[in-house]
Amino acid sequence: MRPFEVVPLRAFADNYIWTVRDSGHAAVVDPGDARPVLDYLRAEKLELVAILNTHHHADHVGGNADLLRHRPVPVFGPCDERIGEVTHRLRDGERMTLPHFGAGLEVMEIPGHTRTHIAFHGAGMLFCGDTLFAAGCGRLFEGTPQQMYESLSRLMRLPDTTRVYCGHEYTLSNIRFAQAADPGNAALHELEAKAKQLRDRNLPTLPSTIAQEKATNPFVRCAEPGVMASASRYAGRRLTDPIGVLAAIREWKNHF
């Protein structure tokens, strides 16, 4: 495996296009817009070698076609015909090798935000699109609370040191909701202070880690008494099933 770094390219209001790069080559994850990628490749004199897509939403795949016109490269993504540019359709448990870099990545199907959402895990990294966010999770556009619960639970079984590269800069707004849903969680105050310092300097709050999410993310802490109590108050009835808790706090977050 060649040495590399992971650089965030900003797109739209709050998207990150994660860019795996070395001194001469780059692979991009979820390029919703081609322009920032093309500008970066040109400025850094990098050759595009691959595109990875986690799900079909336009703000994650909208730049595929323009990038392929610039340079035809393999496109790795889910088994979803809505992403027409994908050349390698991947299923749960399959492994791929990132072209040029040689990093081995496992494909994980993590439905909930969309029905065909996948993540790429390997080399200490998790590219998880819009399923898992720092202190949050994606809206349930196509999936169910049970699917999201199972997907998040699966991600939480990854090593604690895994770096979590998610698709959006939502951390501060997610923390504000997490403090309402998990009010006794002191770790959230520490995370908020750190995130504010980074955003004040116009720096990303990401990547997160699996350990950080276990400590601060209410959507993976649905069995914690404090989160259950808050969800029950919101729902107006006693909730004891973590899936029911996730459904309640996801609905709450939609209107927060």
Protein backbone atom coordinates (compact mmCIF):
# COMPACT_ATOMS: atom_id res chain seq x y z
CA MET A 1 0.00 0.00 0.00
CA ARG A 2 1.36 3.40 -0.95
CA PRO A 3 1.45 6.24 1.61
CA PHE A 4 -1.43 8.69 1.21
CA GLU A 5 -3.37 11.41 2.95
CA VAL A 6 -7.09 12.18 2.96
CA VAL A 7 -8.04 15.76 2.10
CA PRO A 8 -11.55 17.28 2.25
CA LEU A 9 -12.74 19.29 -0.73
CA ARG A 10 -15.75 21.48 0.00
CA ALA A 11 -18.82 21.47 -2.21
CA PHE A 12 -22.20 23.19 -2.03
CA ALA A 13 -23.10 24.53 1.42
CA ASP A 14 -21.71 21.76 3.61
CA ASN A 15 -20.60 18.70 1.57
CA TYR A 16 -17.17 17.17 1.77
CA ILE A 17 -15.63 15.32 -1.16
CA TRP A 18 -13.02 13.15 0.51
CA THR A 19 -9.90 12.92 -1.61
CA VAL A 20 -7.30 10.19 -1.12
CA ARG A 21 -4.04 11.51 -2.56
CA ASP A 22 -0.30 11.26 -2.75
CA SER A 23 2.15 13.43 -4.66
CA GLY A 24 0.74 12.59 -8.07
CA HIS A 25 -2.58 10.74 -7.89
CA ALA A 26 -6.02 11.08 -6.31
CA ALA A 27 -9.21 9.11 -5.77
CA VAL A 28 -12.39 10.91 -4.74
CA VAL A 29 -15.33 9.80 -2.61
CA ASP A 30 -18.83 11.12 -3.37
CA PRO A 31 -18.05 13.93 -5.82
CA GLY A 32 -21.37 15.76 -5.92
CA ASP A 33 -19.76 18.56 -7.91
CA ALA A 34 -16.91 18.12 -10.38
CA ARG A 35 -15.64 21.70 -10.25
CA PRO A 36 -13.83 21.66 -6.88
CA VAL A 37 -12.27 18.33 -7.79
CA LEU A 38 -11.06 19.50 -11.20
CA ASP A 39 -9.73 22.72 -9.72
CA TYR A 40 -7.85 20.77 -7.03
CA LEU A 41 -6.43 18.23 -9.47
CA ARG A 42 -5.20 21.02 -11.71
CA ALA A 43 -3.71 23.09 -8.89
CA GLU A 44 -1.96 20.10 -7.29
CA LYS A 45 -0.99 18.44 -10.61
CA LEU A 46 -2.76 15.20 -9.67
CA GLU A 47 -4.08 12.43 -11.89
CA LEU A 48 -7.55 11.09 -11.03
CA VAL A 49 -7.48 7.29 -10.62
CA ALA A 50 -10.90 6.35 -9.19
CA ILE A 51 -14.30 7.53 -7.99
CA LEU A 52 -16.14 5.96 -5.04
CA ASN A 53 -19.88 6.51 -4.49
CA THR A 54 -21.74 5.59 -1.30
CA HIS A 55 -25.31 6.33 -2.45
CA HIS A 56 -27.32 7.77 -5.30
CA HIS A 57 -28.17 11.29 -4.07
CA ALA A 58 -27.16 14.01 -6.50
CA ASP A 59 -25.01 15.88 -3.98
CA HIS A 60 -22.81 12.75 -3.84
CA VAL A 61 -22.77 11.60 -7.48
CA GLY A 62 -23.61 14.71 -9.50
CA GLY A 63 -19.99 15.29 -10.51
CA ASN A 64 -19.34 11.77 -11.80
CA ALA A 65 -20.10 12.45 -15.46
CA ASP A 66 -17.98 15.60 -15.74
CA LEU A 67 -15.06 13.92 -14.00
CA LEU A 68 -15.27 10.97 -16.37
CA ARG A 69 -15.23 13.34 -19.33
CA HIS A 70 -12.01 14.74 -17.90
CA ARG A 71 -10.53 11.29 -17.41
CA PRO A 72 -12.18 7.85 -17.70
CA VAL A 73 -11.55 6.01 -14.43
CA PRO A 74 -13.26 3.14 -12.60
CA VAL A 75 -16.30 4.12 -10.53
CA PHE A 76 -17.07 1.95 -7.50
CA GLY A 77 -20.54 2.11 -6.01
CA PRO A 78 -23.65 0.29 -4.82
CA CYS A 79 -25.87 -1.96 -6.90
CA ASP A 80 -28.21 0.87 -7.81
CA GLU A 81 -29.12 1.65 -11.40
CA ARG A 82 -29.81 5.24 -10.39
CA ILE A 83 -26.04 5.81 -10.52
CA GLY A 84 -25.44 5.26 -14.20
CA GLU A 85 -21.68 5.89 -14.17
CA VAL A 86 -20.79 3.05 -11.77
CA THR A 87 -18.48 0.53 -13.47
CA HIS A 88 -17.98 -1.74 -10.44
CA ARG A 89 -21.23 -2.49 -8.58
CA LEU A 90 -20.38 -3.79 -5.15
CA ARG A 91 -22.26 -5.89 -2.62
CA ASP A 92 -21.91 -6.43 1.09
CA GLY A 93 -18.73 -8.19 2.11
CA GLU A 94 -16.92 -7.71 -1.19
CA ARG A 95 -13.43 -6.28 -1.12
CA MET A 96 -11.86 -3.85 -3.53
CA THR A 97 -8.38 -2.45 -3.91
CA LEU A 98 -8.14 1.29 -4.36
CA PRO A 99 -6.41 1.82 -7.72
CA HIS A 100 -2.83 3.08 -7.56
CA PHE A 101 -2.84 3.29 -3.75
CA GLY A 102 -3.30 -0.43 -3.08
CA ALA A 103 -5.45 0.11 0.01
CA GLY A 104 -7.85 -2.77 0.56
CA LEU A 105 -11.41 -1.67 1.33
CA GLU A 106 -14.34 -3.79 2.48
CA VAL A 107 -17.82 -2.94 1.25
CA MET A 108 -20.52 -2.70 3.91
CA GLU A 109 -24.19 -2.37 3.02
CA ILE A 110 -25.64 0.14 5.51
CA PRO A 111 -29.22 0.95 4.46
CA GLY A 112 -31.36 3.48 6.27
CA HIS A 113 -30.68 6.83 4.64
CA THR A 114 -31.21 5.12 1.29
CA ARG A 115 -32.02 1.49 0.57
CA THR A 116 -28.76 0.75 -1.29
CA HIS A 117 -26.30 2.82 0.77
CA ILE A 118 -22.83 1.35 1.18
CA ALA A 119 -19.69 2.24 3.11
CA PHE A 120 -16.04 1.57 2.35
CA HIS A 121 -13.92 0.41 5.29
CA GLY A 122 -10.22 -0.31 5.44
CA ALA A 123 -6.76 1.06 6.26
CA GLY A 124 -8.21 2.59 9.44
CA MET A 125 -10.80 4.58 7.47
CA LEU A 126 -14.57 4.52 7.07
CA PHE A 127 -16.21 6.40 4.21
CA CYS A 128 -19.85 6.26 5.29
CA GLY A 129 -21.64 8.88 3.20
CA ASP A 130 -24.83 10.04 4.92
CA THR A 131 -25.62 7.07 7.17
CA LEU A 132 -23.41 8.08 10.12
CA PHE A 133 -22.54 11.68 10.93
CA ALA A 134 -20.54 13.14 13.79
CA ALA A 135 -23.10 13.10 16.64
CA GLY A 136 -25.90 12.22 14.22
CA CYS A 137 -27.28 10.04 11.44
CA GLY A 138 -28.94 10.61 8.10
CA ARG A 139 -32.64 11.14 7.50
CA LEU A 140 -34.61 8.00 6.73
CA PHE A 141 -35.47 8.80 3.12
CA GLU A 142 -35.83 5.21 1.91
CA GLY A 143 -35.03 2.99 4.87
CA THR A 144 -36.61 2.10 8.18
CA PRO A 145 -35.63 2.78 11.79
CA GLN A 146 -34.70 -0.90 12.15
CA GLN A 147 -32.41 -0.74 9.12
CA MET A 148 -30.73 2.40 10.41
CA TYR A 149 -30.33 0.90 13.88
CA GLU A 150 -28.76 -2.26 12.46
CA SER A 151 -26.49 -0.27 10.14
CA LEU A 152 -25.26 2.02 12.92
CA SER A 153 -24.81 -0.94 15.28
CA ARG A 154 -22.69 -2.65 12.67
CA LEU A 155 -20.50 0.41 12.23
CA MET A 156 -20.02 0.67 15.98
CA ARG A 157 -18.45 -2.80 15.94
CA LEU A 158 -15.52 -1.44 13.91
CA PRO A 159 -12.30 -0.64 15.81
CA ASP A 160 -12.61 2.42 18.05
CA THR A 161 -9.70 4.12 16.30
CA THR A 162 -11.38 3.97 12.87
CA ARG A 163 -11.50 7.44 11.31
CA VAL A 164 -15.03 8.32 10.22
CA TYR A 165 -15.25 10.34 7.00
CA CYS A 166 -18.89 11.31 6.55
CA GLY A 167 -20.48 13.42 3.87
CA HIS A 168 -21.43 16.71 5.53
CA GLU A 169 -20.29 19.35 8.01
CA TYR A 170 -23.25 18.93 10.36
CA THR A 171 -21.34 18.50 13.61
CA LEU A 172 -22.33 21.63 15.55
CA SER A 173 -26.02 21.38 14.68
CA ASN A 174 -25.95 17.68 15.52
CA ILE A 175 -24.36 18.42 18.88
CA ARG A 176 -27.10 20.89 19.73
CA PHE A 177 -29.70 18.21 19.16
CA ALA A 178 -27.61 15.57 20.95
CA GLN A 179 -27.52 17.77 24.05
CA ALA A 180 -31.32 17.81 24.05
CA ALA A 181 -31.60 14.06 23.47
CA ASP A 182 -28.77 13.07 25.86
CA PRO A 183 -28.67 15.96 28.35
CA GLY A 184 -26.49 14.28 30.97
CA ASN A 185 -23.67 13.48 28.57
CA ALA A 186 -20.63 15.52 29.58
CA ALA A 187 -18.65 14.30 26.57
CA LEU A 188 -20.89 16.43 24.36
CA HIS A 189 -19.72 19.65 26.02
CA GLU A 190 -16.10 18.77 25.37
CA LEU A 191 -16.87 17.88 21.76
CA GLU A 192 -18.81 21.11 21.26
CA ALA A 193 -15.91 23.23 22.49
CA LYS A 194 -13.49 21.44 20.19
CA ALA A 195 -15.84 21.69 17.20
CA LYS A 196 -16.47 25.41 17.77
CA GLN A 197 -12.73 26.09 17.83
CA LEU A 198 -12.29 24.30 14.53
CA ARG A 199 -15.24 26.00 12.83
CA ASP A 200 -14.11 29.41 14.10
CA ARG A 201 -10.92 28.77 12.13
CA ASN A 202 -12.95 27.54 9.14
CA LEU A 203 -11.56 24.03 9.58
CA PRO A 204 -13.49 20.76 9.28
CA THR A 205 -14.67 19.01 12.42
CA LEU A 206 -14.07 15.70 10.63
CA PRO A 207 -12.98 12.99 10.59
CA SER A 208 -14.61 11.67 13.72
CA THR A 209 -13.77 8.26 15.19
CA ILE A 210 -15.87 5.28 16.15
CA ALA A 211 -14.87 5.88 19.78
CA GLN A 212 -16.11 9.48 19.60
CA GLU A 213 -19.43 8.37 18.15
CA LYS A 214 -19.93 5.76 20.86
CA ALA A 215 -19.41 8.49 23.45
CA THR A 216 -21.45 11.32 21.91
CA ASN A 217 -23.90 10.17 19.24
CA PRO A 218 -27.46 9.73 20.56
CA PHE A 219 -28.41 7.57 17.57
CA VAL A 220 -25.91 4.91 18.63
CA ARG A 221 -26.71 5.40 22.32
CA CYS A 222 -30.40 4.45 22.05
CA ALA A 223 -30.09 1.92 24.87
CA GLU A 224 -28.70 4.53 27.29
CA PRO A 225 -31.20 5.48 30.02
CA GLY A 226 -30.86 9.22 29.40
CA VAL A 227 -31.58 8.91 25.68
CA MET A 228 -34.47 6.54 26.35
CA ALA A 229 -35.96 9.00 28.84
CA SER A 230 -35.69 11.94 26.42
CA ALA A 231 -37.19 9.91 23.59
CA SER A 232 -40.04 8.80 25.83
CA ARG A 233 -40.80 12.39 26.79
CA TYR A 234 -40.85 13.40 23.13
CA ALA A 235 -43.05 10.46 22.13
CA GLY A 236 -45.42 10.89 25.07
CA ARG A 237 -45.09 7.24 26.06
CA ARG A 238 -42.51 4.96 27.65
CA LEU A 239 -40.02 3.61 25.12
CA THR A 240 -37.78 0.69 26.02
CA ASP A 241 -36.85 -0.73 22.61
CA PRO A 242 -33.73 0.94 21.14
CA ILE A 243 -35.25 0.81 17.65
CA GLY A 244 -38.32 2.67 18.88
CA VAL A 245 -36.03 5.16 20.59
CA LEU A 246 -34.11 5.74 17.35
CA ALA A 247 -37.37 6.23 15.45
CA ALA A 248 -38.55 8.79 18.00
CA ILE A 249 -35.36 10.84 18.16
CA ARG A 250 -34.92 10.75 14.36
CA GLU A 251 -38.44 12.18 14.01
CA TRP A 252 -37.62 14.72 16.73
CA LYS A 253 -34.39 15.71 14.93
CA ASN A 254 -36.34 16.24 11.68
CA HIS A 255 -38.22 19.09 13.36
CA PHE A 256 -35.58 20.31 15.81
